[in-house]
Amino acid sequence: DKIGAYPPELSGGQQQRVAIARAMVHTPSLIVC
C-alpha cells in the first residue's frame, strides 16, 4: 500500500523496512546494519 509513497510520508519503522529492502534488492551475500 506504500507503492508510490515518499519517505517523509512513512513512519520510522516503514522507512527502515524500505532501507532493508534497498539493501536486499540485489541479493547480496552480506548485509551490514
ModelCIF file with pLDDT and N, C-alpha, C, O atoms, coordinates in Angstrom:
data_MODEL
#
_entry.id   MODEL 
#
_entity.id                         1 
_entity.type                       polymer 
_entity.pdbx_number_of_molecules   1 
#
_entity_poly.entity_id                      1 
_entity_poly.type                           'polypeptide(L)' 
_entity_poly.nstd_linkage                   no 
_entity_poly.nstd_monomer                   no 
_entity_poly.pdbx_seq_one_letter_code       DKIGAYPPELSGGQQQRVAIARAMVHTPSLIVC 
_entity_poly.pdbx_seq_one_letter_code_can   DKIGAYPPELSGGQQQRVAIARAMVHTPSLIVC 
_entity_poly.pdbx_strand_id                 A 
#
loop_
_entity_poly_seq.entity_id 
_entity_poly_seq.num 
_entity_poly_seq.mon_id 
_entity_poly_seq.hetero 
1 1  ASP n 
1 2  LYS n 
1 3  ILE n 
1 4  GLY n 
1 5  ALA n 
1 6  TYR n 
1 7  PRO n 
1 8  PRO n 
1 9  GLU n 
1 10 LEU n 
1 11 SER n 
1 12 GLY n 
1 13 GLY n 
1 14 GLN n 
1 15 GLN n 
1 16 GLN n 
1 17 ARG n 
1 18 VAL n 
1 19 ALA n 
1 20 ILE n 
1 21 ALA n 
1 22 ARG n 
1 23 ALA n 
1 24 MET n 
1 25 VAL n 
1 26 HIS n 
1 27 THR n 
1 28 PRO n 
1 29 SER n 
1 30 LEU n 
1 31 ILE n 
1 32 VAL n 
1 33 CYS n 
#
_struct_asym.id          A 
_struct_asym.entity_id   1 
#
loop_
_ma_qa_metric.id 
_ma_qa_metric.mode 
_ma_qa_metric.name 
_ma_qa_metric.software_group_id 
_ma_qa_metric.type 
1 global pLDDT . pLDDT 
2 local  pLDDT . pLDDT 
#
_ma_qa_metric_global.metric_id      1 
_ma_qa_metric_global.metric_value   92.94 
_ma_qa_metric_global.model_id       1 
_ma_qa_metric_global.ordinal_id     1 
#
loop_
_ma_qa_metric_local.label_asym_id 
_ma_qa_metric_local.label_comp_id 
_ma_qa_metric_local.label_seq_id 
_ma_qa_metric_local.metric_id 
_ma_qa_metric_local.metric_value 
_ma_qa_metric_local.model_id 
_ma_qa_metric_local.ordinal_id 
A ASP 1  2 96.00 1 1  
A LYS 2  2 96.00 1 2  
A ILE 3  2 96.00 1 3  
A GLY 4  2 96.00 1 4  
A ALA 5  2 97.00 1 5  
A TYR 6  2 98.00 1 6  
A PRO 7  2 96.00 1 7  
A PRO 8  2 96.00 1 8  
A GLU 9  2 96.00 1 9  
A LEU 10 2 95.00 1 10 
A SER 11 2 91.00 1 11 
A GLY 12 2 88.00 1 12 
A GLY 13 2 87.00 1 13 
A GLN 14 2 91.00 1 14 
A GLN 15 2 93.00 1 15 
A GLN 16 2 88.00 1 16 
A ARG 17 2 89.00 1 17 
A VAL 18 2 94.00 1 18 
A ALA 19 2 93.00 1 19 
A ILE 20 2 91.00 1 20 
A ALA 21 2 92.00 1 21 
A ARG 22 2 94.00 1 22 
A ALA 23 2 92.00 1 23 
A MET 24 2 91.00 1 24 
A VAL 25 2 93.00 1 25 
A HIS 26 2 92.00 1 26 
A THR 27 2 90.00 1 27 
A PRO 28 2 93.00 1 28 
A SER 29 2 92.00 1 29 
A LEU 30 2 93.00 1 30 
A ILE 31 2 93.00 1 31 
A VAL 32 2 93.00 1 32 
A CYS 33 2 92.00 1 33 
#
loop_
_atom_site.group_PDB 
_atom_site.id 
_atom_site.type_symbol 
_atom_site.label_atom_id 
_atom_site.label_alt_id 
_atom_site.label_comp_id 
_atom_site.label_asym_id 
_atom_site.label_entity_id 
_atom_site.label_seq_id 
_atom_site.pdbx_PDB_ins_code 
_atom_site.Cartn_x 
_atom_site.Cartn_y 
_atom_site.Cartn_z 
_atom_site.occupancy 
_atom_site.B_iso_or_equiv 
_atom_site.pdbx_formal_charge 
_atom_site.auth_seq_id 
_atom_site.auth_comp_id 
_atom_site.auth_asym_id 
_atom_site.auth_atom_id 
_atom_site.pdbx_PDB_model_num 
ATOM 1   N N  . ASP A 1 1  ? 0.819  -1.219  0.000  1.00 96.00 ? 1  ASP A N  1 
ATOM 2   C CA . ASP A 1 1  ? 0.000  0.000   0.000  1.00 96.00 ? 1  ASP A CA 1 
ATOM 3   C C  . ASP A 1 1  ? 0.853  1.270   0.000  1.00 96.00 ? 1  ASP A C  1 
ATOM 4   O O  . ASP A 1 1  ? 0.315  2.372   -0.100 1.00 96.00 ? 1  ASP A O  1 
ATOM 5   N N  . LYS A 1 2  ? 2.170  1.128   0.110  1.00 96.00 ? 2  LYS A N  1 
ATOM 6   C CA . LYS A 1 2  ? 3.069  2.292   0.119  1.00 96.00 ? 2  LYS A CA 1 
ATOM 7   C C  . LYS A 1 2  ? 3.769  2.490   -1.228 1.00 96.00 ? 2  LYS A C  1 
ATOM 8   O O  . LYS A 1 2  ? 4.613  3.376   -1.363 1.00 96.00 ? 2  LYS A O  1 
ATOM 9   N N  . ILE A 1 3  ? 3.424  1.674   -2.219 1.00 96.00 ? 3  ILE A N  1 
ATOM 10  C CA . ILE A 1 3  ? 3.976  1.882   -3.562 1.00 96.00 ? 3  ILE A CA 1 
ATOM 11  C C  . ILE A 1 3  ? 3.533  3.274   -4.016 1.00 96.00 ? 3  ILE A C  1 
ATOM 12  O O  . ILE A 1 3  ? 2.348  3.604   -3.966 1.00 96.00 ? 3  ILE A O  1 
ATOM 13  N N  . GLY A 1 4  ? 4.482  4.072   -4.453 1.00 96.00 ? 4  GLY A N  1 
ATOM 14  C CA . GLY A 1 4  ? 4.206  5.442   -4.874 1.00 96.00 ? 4  GLY A CA 1 
ATOM 15  C C  . GLY A 1 4  ? 4.352  6.462   -3.765 1.00 96.00 ? 4  GLY A C  1 
ATOM 16  O O  . GLY A 1 4  ? 4.310  7.666   -4.022 1.00 96.00 ? 4  GLY A O  1 
ATOM 17  N N  . ALA A 1 5  ? 4.526  5.994   -2.513 1.00 97.00 ? 5  ALA A N  1 
ATOM 18  C CA . ALA A 1 5  ? 4.692  6.914   -1.384 1.00 97.00 ? 5  ALA A CA 1 
ATOM 19  C C  . ALA A 1 5  ? 6.145  7.393   -1.306 1.00 97.00 ? 5  ALA A C  1 
ATOM 20  O O  . ALA A 1 5  ? 7.058  6.744   -1.818 1.00 97.00 ? 5  ALA A O  1 
ATOM 21  N N  . TYR A 1 6  ? 6.334  8.533   -0.660 1.00 98.00 ? 6  TYR A N  1 
ATOM 22  C CA . TYR A 1 6  ? 7.662  9.107   -0.465 1.00 98.00 ? 6  TYR A CA 1 
ATOM 23  C C  . TYR A 1 6  ? 8.089  8.918   0.993  1.00 98.00 ? 6  TYR A C  1 
ATOM 24  O O  . TYR A 1 6  ? 7.234  8.875   1.877  1.00 98.00 ? 6  TYR A O  1 
ATOM 25  N N  . PRO A 1 7  ? 9.397  8.804   1.262  1.00 96.00 ? 7  PRO A N  1 
ATOM 26  C CA . PRO A 1 7  ? 9.873  8.560   2.626  1.00 96.00 ? 7  PRO A CA 1 
ATOM 27  C C  . PRO A 1 7  ? 9.279  9.479   3.700  1.00 96.00 ? 7  PRO A C  1 
ATOM 28  O O  . PRO A 1 7  ? 8.941  8.987   4.777  1.00 96.00 ? 7  PRO A O  1 
ATOM 29  N N  . PRO A 1 8  ? 9.136  10.792  3.459  1.00 96.00 ? 8  PRO A N  1 
ATOM 30  C CA . PRO A 1 8  ? 8.577  11.632  4.530  1.00 96.00 ? 8  PRO A CA 1 
ATOM 31  C C  . PRO A 1 8  ? 7.135  11.264  4.923  1.00 96.00 ? 8  PRO A C  1 
ATOM 32  O O  . PRO A 1 8  ? 6.655  11.678  5.978  1.00 96.00 ? 8  PRO A O  1 
ATOM 33  N N  . GLU A 1 9  ? 6.460  10.498  4.084  1.00 96.00 ? 9  GLU A N  1 
ATOM 34  C CA . GLU A 1 9  ? 5.087  10.078  4.373  1.00 96.00 ? 9  GLU A CA 1 
ATOM 35  C C  . GLU A 1 9  ? 5.028  8.799   5.215  1.00 96.00 ? 9  GLU A C  1 
ATOM 36  O O  . GLU A 1 9  ? 3.943  8.340   5.573  1.00 96.00 ? 9  GLU A O  1 
ATOM 37  N N  . LEU A 1 10 ? 6.189  8.228   5.526  1.00 95.00 ? 10 LEU A N  1 
ATOM 38  C CA . LEU A 1 10 ? 6.257  6.931   6.217  1.00 95.00 ? 10 LEU A CA 1 
ATOM 39  C C  . LEU A 1 10 ? 6.664  7.103   7.676  1.00 95.00 ? 10 LEU A C  1 
ATOM 40  O O  . LEU A 1 10 ? 7.311  8.083   8.045  1.00 95.00 ? 10 LEU A O  1 
ATOM 41  N N  . SER A 1 11 ? 6.273  6.127   8.499  1.00 91.00 ? 11 SER A N  1 
ATOM 42  C CA . SER A 1 11 ? 6.752  6.069   9.884  1.00 91.00 ? 11 SER A CA 1 
ATOM 43  C C  . SER A 1 11 ? 8.225  5.636   9.876  1.00 91.00 ? 11 SER A C  1 
ATOM 44  O O  . SER A 1 11 ? 8.757  5.228   8.844  1.00 91.00 ? 11 SER A O  1 
ATOM 45  N N  . GLY A 1 12 ? 8.870  5.732   11.037 1.00 88.00 ? 12 GLY A N  1 
ATOM 46  C CA . GLY A 1 12 ? 10.263 5.290   11.136 1.00 88.00 ? 12 GLY A CA 1 
ATOM 47  C C  . GLY A 1 12 ? 10.426 3.818   10.810 1.00 88.00 ? 12 GLY A C  1 
ATOM 48  O O  . GLY A 1 12 ? 11.363 3.437   10.108 1.00 88.00 ? 12 GLY A O  1 
ATOM 49  N N  . GLY A 1 13 ? 9.521  2.983   11.313 1.00 87.00 ? 13 GLY A N  1 
ATOM 50  C CA . GLY A 1 13 ? 9.594  1.545   11.028 1.00 87.00 ? 13 GLY A CA 1 
ATOM 51  C C  . GLY A 1 13 ? 9.410  1.246   9.552  1.00 87.00 ? 13 GLY A C  1 
ATOM 52  O O  . GLY A 1 13 ? 10.073 0.363   9.008  1.00 87.00 ? 13 GLY A O  1 
ATOM 53  N N  . GLN A 1 14 ? 8.508  1.980   8.898  1.00 91.00 ? 14 GLN A N  1 
ATOM 54  C CA . GLN A 1 14 ? 8.290  1.787   7.461  1.00 91.00 ? 14 GLN A CA 1 
ATOM 55  C C  . GLN A 1 14 ? 9.510  2.242   6.664  1.00 91.00 ? 14 GLN A C  1 
ATOM 56  O O  . GLN A 1 14 ? 9.907  1.582   5.704  1.00 91.00 ? 14 GLN A O  1 
ATOM 57  N N  . GLN A 1 15 ? 10.105 3.366   7.061  1.00 93.00 ? 15 GLN A N  1 
ATOM 58  C CA . GLN A 1 15 ? 11.323 3.821   6.379  1.00 93.00 ? 15 GLN A CA 1 
ATOM 59  C C  . GLN A 1 15 ? 12.440 2.791   6.532  1.00 93.00 ? 15 GLN A C  1 
ATOM 60  O O  . GLN A 1 15 ? 13.189 2.544   5.586  1.00 93.00 ? 15 GLN A O  1 
ATOM 61  N N  . GLN A 1 16 ? 12.556 2.187   7.718  1.00 88.00 ? 16 GLN A N  1 
ATOM 62  C CA . GLN A 1 16 ? 13.592 1.185   7.925  1.00 88.00 ? 16 GLN A CA 1 
ATOM 63  C C  . GLN A 1 16 ? 13.330 -0.047  7.061  1.00 88.00 ? 16 GLN A C  1 
ATOM 64  O O  . GLN A 1 16 ? 14.277 -0.647  6.553  1.00 88.00 ? 16 GLN A O  1 
ATOM 65  N N  . ARG A 1 17 ? 12.065 -0.437  6.881  1.00 89.00 ? 17 ARG A N  1 
ATOM 66  C CA . ARG A 1 17 ? 11.757 -1.565  6.000  1.00 89.00 ? 17 ARG A CA 1 
ATOM 67  C C  . ARG A 1 17 ? 12.144 -1.244  4.559  1.00 89.00 ? 17 ARG A C  1 
ATOM 68  O O  . ARG A 1 17 ? 12.639 -2.117  3.847  1.00 89.00 ? 17 ARG A O  1 
ATOM 69  N N  . VAL A 1 18 ? 11.927 -0.013  4.124  1.00 94.00 ? 18 VAL A N  1 
ATOM 70  C CA . VAL A 1 18 ? 12.347 0.398   2.780  1.00 94.00 ? 18 VAL A CA 1 
ATOM 71  C C  . VAL A 1 18 ? 13.872 0.332   2.679  1.00 94.00 ? 18 VAL A C  1 
ATOM 72  O O  . VAL A 1 18 ? 14.410 -0.128  1.672  1.00 94.00 ? 18 VAL A O  1 
ATOM 73  N N  . ALA A 1 19 ? 14.565 0.792   3.720  1.00 93.00 ? 19 ALA A N  1 
ATOM 74  C CA . ALA A 1 19 ? 16.035 0.746   3.718  1.00 93.00 ? 19 ALA A CA 1 
ATOM 75  C C  . ALA A 1 19 ? 16.539 -0.702  3.664  1.00 93.00 ? 19 ALA A C  1 
ATOM 76  O O  . ALA A 1 19 ? 17.524 -0.988  2.983  1.00 93.00 ? 19 ALA A O  1 
ATOM 77  N N  . ILE A 1 20 ? 15.873 -1.609  4.375  1.00 91.00 ? 20 ILE A N  1 
ATOM 78  C CA . ILE A 1 20 ? 16.261 -3.025  4.344  1.00 91.00 ? 20 ILE A CA 1 
ATOM 79  C C  . ILE A 1 20 ? 15.987 -3.608  2.961  1.00 91.00 ? 20 ILE A C  1 
ATOM 80  O O  . ILE A 1 20 ? 16.808 -4.356  2.429  1.00 91.00 ? 20 ILE A O  1 
ATOM 81  N N  . ALA A 1 21 ? 14.845 -3.273  2.381  1.00 92.00 ? 21 ALA A N  1 
ATOM 82  C CA . ALA A 1 21 ? 14.535 -3.762  1.030  1.00 92.00 ? 21 ALA A CA 1 
ATOM 83  C C  . ALA A 1 21 ? 15.589 -3.275  0.043  1.00 92.00 ? 21 ALA A C  1 
ATOM 84  O O  . ALA A 1 21 ? 16.006 -4.028  -0.837 1.00 92.00 ? 21 ALA A O  1 
ATOM 85  N N  . ARG A 1 22 ? 16.024 -2.024  0.179  1.00 94.00 ? 22 ARG A N  1 
ATOM 86  C CA . ARG A 1 22 ? 17.077 -1.489  -0.703 1.00 94.00 ? 22 ARG A CA 1 
ATOM 87  C C  . ARG A 1 22 ? 18.374 -2.274  -0.521 1.00 94.00 ? 22 ARG A C  1 
ATOM 88  O O  . ARG A 1 22 ? 19.074 -2.546  -1.496 1.00 94.00 ? 22 ARG A O  1 
ATOM 89  N N  . ALA A 1 23 ? 18.697 -2.637  0.713  1.00 92.00 ? 23 ALA A N  1 
ATOM 90  C CA . ALA A 1 23 ? 19.926 -3.399  0.980  1.00 92.00 ? 23 ALA A CA 1 
ATOM 91  C C  . ALA A 1 23 ? 19.846 -4.815  0.431  1.00 92.00 ? 23 ALA A C  1 
ATOM 92  O O  . ALA A 1 23 ? 20.876 -5.432  0.158  1.00 92.00 ? 23 ALA A O  1 
ATOM 93  N N  . MET A 1 24 ? 18.628 -5.340  0.264  1.00 91.00 ? 24 MET A N  1 
ATOM 94  C CA . MET A 1 24 ? 18.454 -6.730  -0.147 1.00 91.00 ? 24 MET A CA 1 
ATOM 95  C C  . MET A 1 24 ? 18.088 -6.904  -1.617 1.00 91.00 ? 24 MET A C  1 
ATOM 96  O O  . MET A 1 24 ? 18.148 -8.019  -2.135 1.00 91.00 ? 24 MET A O  1 
ATOM 97  N N  . VAL A 1 25 ? 17.711 -5.833  -2.293 1.00 93.00 ? 25 VAL A N  1 
ATOM 98  C CA . VAL A 1 25 ? 17.132 -5.949  -3.631 1.00 93.00 ? 25 VAL A CA 1 
ATOM 99  C C  . VAL A 1 25 ? 18.052 -6.662  -4.618 1.00 93.00 ? 25 VAL A C  1 
ATOM 100 O O  . VAL A 1 25 ? 17.571 -7.343  -5.524 1.00 93.00 ? 25 VAL A O  1 
ATOM 101 N N  . HIS A 1 26 ? 19.354 -6.517  -4.457 1.00 92.00 ? 26 HIS A N  1 
ATOM 102 C CA . HIS A 1 26 ? 20.307 -7.135  -5.381 1.00 92.00 ? 26 HIS A CA 1 
ATOM 103 C C  . HIS A 1 26 ? 20.841 -8.469  -4.860 1.00 92.00 ? 26 HIS A C  1 
ATOM 104 O O  . HIS A 1 26 ? 21.816 -9.000  -5.391 1.00 92.00 ? 26 HIS A O  1 
ATOM 105 N N  . THR A 1 27 ? 20.205 -9.003  -3.828 1.00 90.00 ? 27 THR A N  1 
ATOM 106 C CA . THR A 1 27 ? 20.540 -10.289 -3.216 1.00 90.00 ? 27 THR A CA 1 
ATOM 107 C C  . THR A 1 27 ? 22.046 -10.402 -2.934 1.00 90.00 ? 27 THR A C  1 
ATOM 108 O O  . THR A 1 27 ? 22.729 -11.263 -3.488 1.00 90.00 ? 27 THR A O  1 
ATOM 109 N N  . PRO A 1 28 ? 22.546 -9.521  -2.066 1.00 93.00 ? 28 PRO A N  1 
ATOM 110 C CA . PRO A 1 28 ? 23.978 -9.586  -1.736 1.00 93.00 ? 28 PRO A CA 1 
ATOM 111 C C  . PRO A 1 28 ? 24.265 -10.795 -0.850 1.00 93.00 ? 28 PRO A C  1 
ATOM 112 O O  . PRO A 1 28 ? 23.348 -11.392 -0.286 1.00 93.00 ? 28 PRO A O  1 
ATOM 113 N N  . SER A 1 29 ? 25.529 -11.146 -0.733 1.00 92.00 ? 29 SER A N  1 
ATOM 114 C CA . SER A 1 29 ? 25.897 -12.249 0.151  1.00 92.00 ? 29 SER A CA 1 
ATOM 115 C C  . SER A 1 29 ? 26.082 -11.770 1.589  1.00 92.00 ? 29 SER A C  1 
ATOM 116 O O  . SER A 1 29 ? 26.075 -12.580 2.516  1.00 92.00 ? 29 SER A O  1 
ATOM 117 N N  . LEU A 1 30 ? 26.248 -10.454 1.784  1.00 93.00 ? 30 LEU A N  1 
ATOM 118 C CA . LEU A 1 30 ? 26.485 -9.878  3.101  1.00 93.00 ? 30 LEU A CA 1 
ATOM 119 C C  . LEU A 1 30 ? 25.677 -8.594  3.244  1.00 93.00 ? 30 LEU A C  1 
ATOM 120 O O  . LEU A 1 30 ? 25.668 -7.750  2.347  1.00 93.00 ? 30 LEU A O  1 
ATOM 121 N N  . ILE A 1 31 ? 25.000 -8.456  4.378  1.00 93.00 ? 31 ILE A N  1 
ATOM 122 C CA . ILE A 1 31 ? 24.333 -7.197  4.711  1.00 93.00 ? 31 ILE A CA 1 
ATOM 123 C C  . ILE A 1 31 ? 24.888 -6.728  6.044  1.00 93.00 ? 31 ILE A C  1 
ATOM 124 O O  . ILE A 1 31 ? 24.957 -7.498  7.002  1.00 93.00 ? 31 ILE A O  1 
ATOM 125 N N  . VAL A 1 32 ? 25.284 -5.459  6.104  1.00 93.00 ? 32 VAL A N  1 
ATOM 126 C CA . VAL A 1 32 ? 25.754 -4.853  7.345  1.00 93.00 ? 32 VAL A CA 1 
ATOM 127 C C  . VAL A 1 32 ? 24.739 -3.801  7.768  1.00 93.00 ? 32 VAL A C  1 
ATOM 128 O O  . VAL A 1 32 ? 24.304 -2.974  6.966  1.00 93.00 ? 32 VAL A O  1 
ATOM 129 N N  . CYS A 1 33 ? 24.370 -3.849  9.049  1.00 92.00 ? 33 CYS A N  1 
ATOM 130 C CA . CYS A 1 33 ? 23.369 -2.931  9.606  1.00 92.00 ? 33 CYS A CA 1 
ATOM 131 C C  . CYS A 1 33 ? 23.987 -2.163  10.763 1.00 92.00 ? 33 CYS A C  1 
ATOM 132 O O  . CYS A 1 33 ? 23.319 -1.333  11.380 1.00 92.00 ? 33 CYS A O  1 
#
